[in-house]
Protein backbone atom coordinates (compact mmCIF):
# COMPACT_ATOMS: atom_id res chain seq x y z
CA MET A 1 0.00 0.00 0.00
CA THR A 2 1.26 3.45 -0.85
CA ASP A 3 0.37 7.02 0.11
CA SER A 4 2.34 10.04 -1.07
CA ASN A 5 3.25 10.89 2.53
CA LEU A 6 3.45 7.40 4.00
CA LEU A 7 4.71 4.18 2.43
CA ILE A 8 3.42 0.92 3.85
CA GLU A 9 5.19 -2.34 3.13
CA ILE A 10 3.82 -5.62 4.49
CA GLU A 11 5.90 -8.75 4.01
CA ASN A 12 6.65 -11.90 6.00
CA GLY A 13 4.76 -10.80 9.08
CA VAL A 14 6.29 -7.30 9.20
CA ALA A 15 4.50 -4.02 8.44
CA LYS A 16 6.91 -1.20 7.71
CA LEU A 17 5.54 2.35 7.93
CA ILE A 18 7.88 4.78 6.20
CA LEU A 19 7.50 8.54 6.66
CA ASN A 20 7.90 9.84 3.12
CA ARG A 21 8.13 13.63 3.10
CA PRO A 22 11.90 14.04 2.71
CA ASP A 23 11.51 17.46 1.07
CA VAL A 24 10.26 18.83 4.42
CA HIS A 25 12.38 16.50 6.59
CA ASN A 26 9.34 14.27 7.19
CA ALA A 27 7.51 16.95 9.15
CA PHE A 28 3.96 15.87 9.87
CA ASP A 29 0.67 17.67 9.47
CA ASP A 30 -2.99 16.78 10.00
CA VAL A 31 -3.11 14.76 6.77
CA LEU A 32 -0.09 12.60 7.65
CA ILE A 33 -1.40 12.12 11.20
CA GLN A 34 -4.70 10.80 9.86
CA THR A 35 -2.89 8.60 7.35
CA ILE A 36 -0.79 6.97 10.07
CA ILE A 37 -3.83 6.46 12.30
CA HIS A 38 -5.70 4.69 9.49
CA ALA A 39 -2.67 2.54 8.72
CA LEU A 40 -2.33 1.50 12.37
CA ASP A 41 -6.05 0.75 12.61
CA ASP A 42 -5.78 -1.54 9.58
CA ILE A 43 -2.68 -3.24 11.01
CA THR A 44 -4.46 -3.86 14.33
CA THR A 45 -6.87 -6.29 12.66
CA ASN A 46 -4.44 -7.73 10.10
CA ASP A 47 -3.55 -11.25 11.22
CA HIS A 48 -0.70 -11.35 8.69
CA VAL A 49 1.19 -8.66 10.64
CA GLN A 50 3.15 -9.59 13.78
CA VAL A 51 5.63 -6.71 14.00
CA VAL A 52 5.38 -3.01 13.08
CA VAL A 53 8.40 -0.90 12.11
CA LEU A 54 8.30 2.91 11.99
CA THR A 55 11.05 4.53 9.95
CA SER A 56 11.61 7.26 7.35
CA ASN A 57 13.03 8.20 3.99
CA GLY A 58 15.51 11.03 3.55
CA LYS A 59 18.12 12.71 5.68
CA HIS A 60 16.07 13.00 8.90
CA PHE A 61 13.57 10.92 10.84
CA SER A 62 11.16 13.83 11.35
CA ALA A 63 11.42 17.56 11.99
CA GLY A 64 8.18 17.48 14.00
CA ALA A 65 5.25 19.71 13.08
CA ASP A 66 4.99 21.00 9.53
CA LEU A 67 5.41 24.78 9.23
CA ASN A 68 2.36 25.27 7.01
CA TRP A 69 0.24 23.23 9.41
CA MET A 70 1.40 25.42 12.30
CA LYS A 71 0.50 28.53 10.33
CA ARG A 72 -3.03 27.20 9.83
CA MET A 73 -3.38 26.37 13.51
CA ALA A 74 -2.27 29.87 14.53
CA VAL A 75 -5.40 31.47 13.09
CA LEU A 76 -7.90 28.92 14.41
CA THR A 77 -10.02 29.32 17.53
CA GLU A 78 -9.18 27.57 20.79
CA GLN A 79 -11.95 25.03 20.16
CA GLU A 80 -10.67 24.34 16.65
CA ASN A 81 -7.15 23.90 18.03
CA ARG A 82 -8.54 21.53 20.66
CA GLU A 83 -10.15 19.41 17.95
CA ASP A 84 -6.95 19.41 15.92
CA ALA A 85 -4.84 18.38 18.92
CA GLN A 86 -7.22 15.50 19.56
CA GLN A 87 -6.00 13.92 16.32
CA LEU A 88 -2.37 13.96 17.42
CA ALA A 89 -3.44 12.59 20.80
CA GLN A 90 -5.29 9.80 19.00
CA LEU A 91 -2.18 8.94 16.98
CA MET A 92 -0.02 8.72 20.11
CA HIS A 93 -2.62 6.64 21.94
CA THR A 94 -3.08 4.27 18.99
CA LEU A 95 0.65 3.73 18.51
CA ASN A 96 1.36 3.41 22.23
CA ASN A 97 -1.39 0.81 22.71
CA LEU A 98 -1.02 -1.13 19.46
CA ASN A 99 -1.65 -4.86 19.92
CA LYS A 100 1.62 -5.77 18.19
CA PRO A 101 5.25 -4.97 19.05
CA THR A 102 6.53 -1.74 17.49
CA VAL A 103 10.07 -0.79 16.55
CA ALA A 104 11.28 2.75 15.74
CA LEU A 105 14.34 2.99 13.50
CA VAL A 106 15.76 6.50 13.74
CA ASP A 107 18.33 8.09 11.46
CA GLY A 108 18.89 11.83 11.62
CA ALA A 109 17.01 14.48 13.55
CA ALA A 110 13.83 13.80 15.52
CA TYR A 111 12.23 16.96 16.87
CA GLY A 112 9.06 17.79 18.78
CA GLY A 113 6.24 15.36 18.11
CA ALA A 114 8.65 12.94 16.47
CA VAL A 115 10.14 12.29 19.91
CA GLY A 116 6.61 11.36 20.98
CA LEU A 117 6.34 8.81 18.17
CA ILE A 118 9.61 7.21 19.25
CA ALA A 119 8.53 7.13 22.91
CA CYS A 120 5.30 5.37 21.92
CA CYS A 121 7.16 2.51 20.24
CA ASP A 122 8.12 -0.54 22.27
CA MET A 123 11.69 -0.53 20.97
CA ALA A 124 13.84 2.21 19.48
CA ILE A 125 17.22 2.06 17.76
CA ALA A 126 19.08 5.02 16.27
CA THR A 127 22.27 5.83 14.41
CA GLN A 128 25.05 7.82 16.04
CA ARG A 129 24.30 10.85 13.89
CA SER A 130 20.74 11.08 15.19
CA CYS A 131 19.78 13.98 17.43
CA PHE A 132 16.69 14.89 19.40
CA CYS A 133 14.96 18.02 20.64
CA LEU A 134 11.77 18.89 22.48
CA SER A 135 11.75 22.35 20.98
CA GLU A 136 8.20 23.53 21.65
CA VAL A 137 8.96 26.16 24.30
CA LYS A 138 11.31 27.96 21.89
CA ILE A 139 8.27 29.06 19.91
CA GLY A 140 5.98 29.67 22.86
CA LEU A 141 4.31 26.26 22.86
CA SER A 142 4.43 23.15 25.05
CA PRO A 143 4.97 19.41 24.31
CA ALA A 144 1.61 18.79 25.96
CA VAL A 145 0.08 16.01 23.88
CA ILE A 146 3.24 13.90 23.69
CA SER A 147 4.24 14.54 27.31
CA PRO A 148 2.67 11.43 28.95
CA PHE A 149 4.57 9.15 26.60
CA VAL A 150 7.89 11.00 26.66
CA VAL A 151 7.86 11.37 30.46
CA SER A 152 7.10 7.65 30.71
CA ALA A 153 10.16 6.95 28.56
CA ILE A 154 12.73 9.36 30.02
CA GLY A 155 11.36 10.12 33.49
CA GLU A 156 10.27 13.31 35.22
CA ARG A 157 13.75 14.53 36.09
CA ALA A 158 15.03 14.40 32.50
CA ALA A 159 11.77 15.89 31.24
CA ARG A 160 12.24 18.90 33.50
CA ARG A 161 15.52 19.64 31.79
CA TYR A 162 14.83 18.87 28.15
CA PHE A 163 11.21 20.09 28.04
CA LEU A 164 12.24 23.43 29.55
CA SER A 165 15.66 24.01 27.98
CA ALA A 166 14.73 22.81 24.48
CA GLU A 167 18.34 21.67 24.11
CA VAL A 168 19.37 19.40 21.27
CA PHE A 169 20.73 16.12 22.66
CA ASP A 170 22.55 13.35 20.86
CA ALA A 171 21.81 9.66 20.48
CA GLN A 172 24.09 8.65 23.35
CA ILE A 173 22.18 10.88 25.76
CA ALA A 174 18.86 9.63 24.35
CA GLU A 175 19.99 6.08 25.08
CA LYS A 176 21.09 7.01 28.60
CA LEU A 177 17.72 8.65 29.25
CA GLY A 178 15.81 5.59 28.06
CA LEU A 179 14.32 7.04 24.89
CA LEU A 180 16.50 4.66 22.84
CA HIS A 181 17.43 1.06 23.54
CA GLU A 182 20.51 1.01 21.35
CA VAL A 183 22.73 3.27 19.22
CA VAL A 184 24.53 1.90 16.15
CA ASN A 185 27.17 3.36 13.85
CA ASP A 186 25.29 4.01 10.62
CA GLU A 187 22.38 3.12 8.34
CA VAL A 188 23.86 -0.28 7.45
CA ALA A 189 24.26 -1.20 11.10
CA LEU A 190 20.73 0.08 11.75
CA ALA A 191 19.29 -2.22 9.08
CA ASN A 192 21.28 -5.19 10.39
CA LYS A 193 20.21 -4.61 13.98
CA ALA A 194 16.60 -4.18 12.88
CA THR A 195 16.72 -7.53 11.08
CA GLN A 196 18.08 -9.25 14.19
CA LEU A 197 15.40 -7.73 16.40
CA ILE A 198 12.55 -8.43 14.00
CA ASP A 199 13.68 -12.04 13.52
CA ALA A 200 13.61 -12.49 17.30
CA LEU A 201 10.11 -11.01 17.56
CA LEU A 202 8.77 -13.22 14.76
CA LEU A 203 9.68 -16.31 16.79
CA ASN A 204 7.22 -15.29 19.49
CA SER A 205 3.51 -15.90 19.91
CA PRO A 206 1.53 -12.88 18.63
CA GLN A 207 -1.08 -13.35 21.36
CA ALA A 208 1.55 -13.69 24.07
CA MET A 209 3.31 -10.51 22.95
CA ASN A 210 0.01 -8.61 22.93
CA LYS A 211 -0.91 -9.84 26.40
CA THR A 212 2.59 -9.12 27.67
CA LYS A 213 2.37 -5.51 26.43
CA GLN A 214 -0.81 -5.19 28.50
CA LEU A 215 0.93 -6.86 31.44
CA ILE A 216 3.84 -4.41 31.39
CA LYS A 217 1.49 -1.45 31.43
CA ALA A 218 -0.55 -2.86 34.30
CA VAL A 219 2.31 -3.88 36.59
CA SER A 220 4.47 -0.81 35.94
CA ARG A 221 1.76 1.60 37.06
CA GLY A 222 -0.11 -0.37 39.69
CA GLU A 223 0.37 -1.23 43.34
CA ILE A 224 1.62 -4.74 44.14
CA ASN A 225 -1.44 -5.95 46.02
CA ASN A 226 -4.04 -8.73 45.89
CA ALA A 227 -5.68 -7.22 42.81
CA MET A 228 -2.33 -7.17 41.00
CA ARG A 229 -1.65 -10.75 42.05
CA ASP A 230 -5.06 -11.87 40.78
CA TYR A 231 -4.51 -10.05 37.48
CA THR A 232 -1.20 -11.81 36.83
CA VAL A 233 -2.55 -15.22 37.89
CA ASN A 234 -5.62 -14.87 35.65
CA LEU A 235 -3.51 -13.68 32.74
CA ILE A 236 -1.15 -16.65 32.71
CA ALA A 237 -4.01 -19.11 33.27
CA SER A 238 -5.97 -17.76 30.30
CA ILE A 239 -2.88 -17.82 28.07
CA ARG A 240 -2.03 -21.41 29.01
CA VAL A 241 -5.42 -22.71 27.88
CA SER A 242 -5.64 -20.52 24.76
CA GLU A 243 -5.08 -21.87 21.24
CA GLU A 244 -1.67 -20.23 20.88
CA GLY A 245 -0.66 -21.19 24.40
CA GLN A 246 -1.48 -24.82 23.73
CA GLU A 247 0.31 -24.71 20.38
CA GLY A 248 3.39 -23.14 21.93
CA LEU A 249 3.64 -25.77 24.66
CA ALA A 250 2.96 -28.60 22.20
CA SER A 251 5.59 -27.39 19.73
CA PHE A 252 8.15 -27.07 22.53
CA LEU A 253 7.49 -30.59 23.82
CA GLU A 254 7.43 -32.01 20.27
CA LYS A 255 10.63 -30.13 19.36
CA ARG A 256 9.12 -28.43 16.31
CA LYS A 257 8.46 -24.87 15.22
CA PRO A 258 5.17 -23.32 16.39
CA SER A 259 2.56 -22.51 13.78
CA TRP A 260 3.13 -18.74 13.88
CA VAL A 261 6.78 -19.22 12.88
CA GLU A 262 5.91 -21.60 10.05
CA LYS A 263 3.33 -19.11 8.75
CA ASN A 264 5.96 -16.41 8.27
CA GLU A 265 8.31 -18.75 6.42
CA TYR A 266 6.02 -18.95 3.40
């Protein structure tokens, strides 16, 4: 599937979403936001997709908000701006809560809302030349919509610095803060690392990965009490008796590949 602003490639269990506005450094506007939301909605119900990769064409990952889009927003009413911001919030929510593992591959600059996209992905790898900036306060704005996801990734203390200073920080700092999981030398190394990671994910049960994403969210934000214990007990019990759970155990005991791996080999 192809859109002028977003390329979508689906092959062997992997959906690759490629930001494709290199002439404006992959800056996003309301049209691109809606396009990505629709793509993610389609992927959610596509049983042929097990892993989602977010990447870009051109010199930079994304410069954040498109200048022409910002100009349009400047002359709208507060209510109209509220409705517009809801779309970006929907994109972040959809990506953050997608029922499949997501991988961000970053090469070049990622500014503003682009940092939010990276924070919403389960895994993020970048090249050494990549740089990051939460630049909103420089132009009198705030990283409001992306803030829950970025603060979750880098923590309150780091957010206080980089939200308020609008400093540009490099890939090594982004890794130290937790925004990135790994930094590699160049585009070739990025592609190689992505292949390794995707291959590992494709070995896993799609249902189990989905349930485990829900598990992480629940246990990382909740109190360790009887309700938490019951949640974890019920989760593993339901997975064990599910179709994929039974297939996974059977394939392990029979020393064969599970059905979800065999499906992606054709």
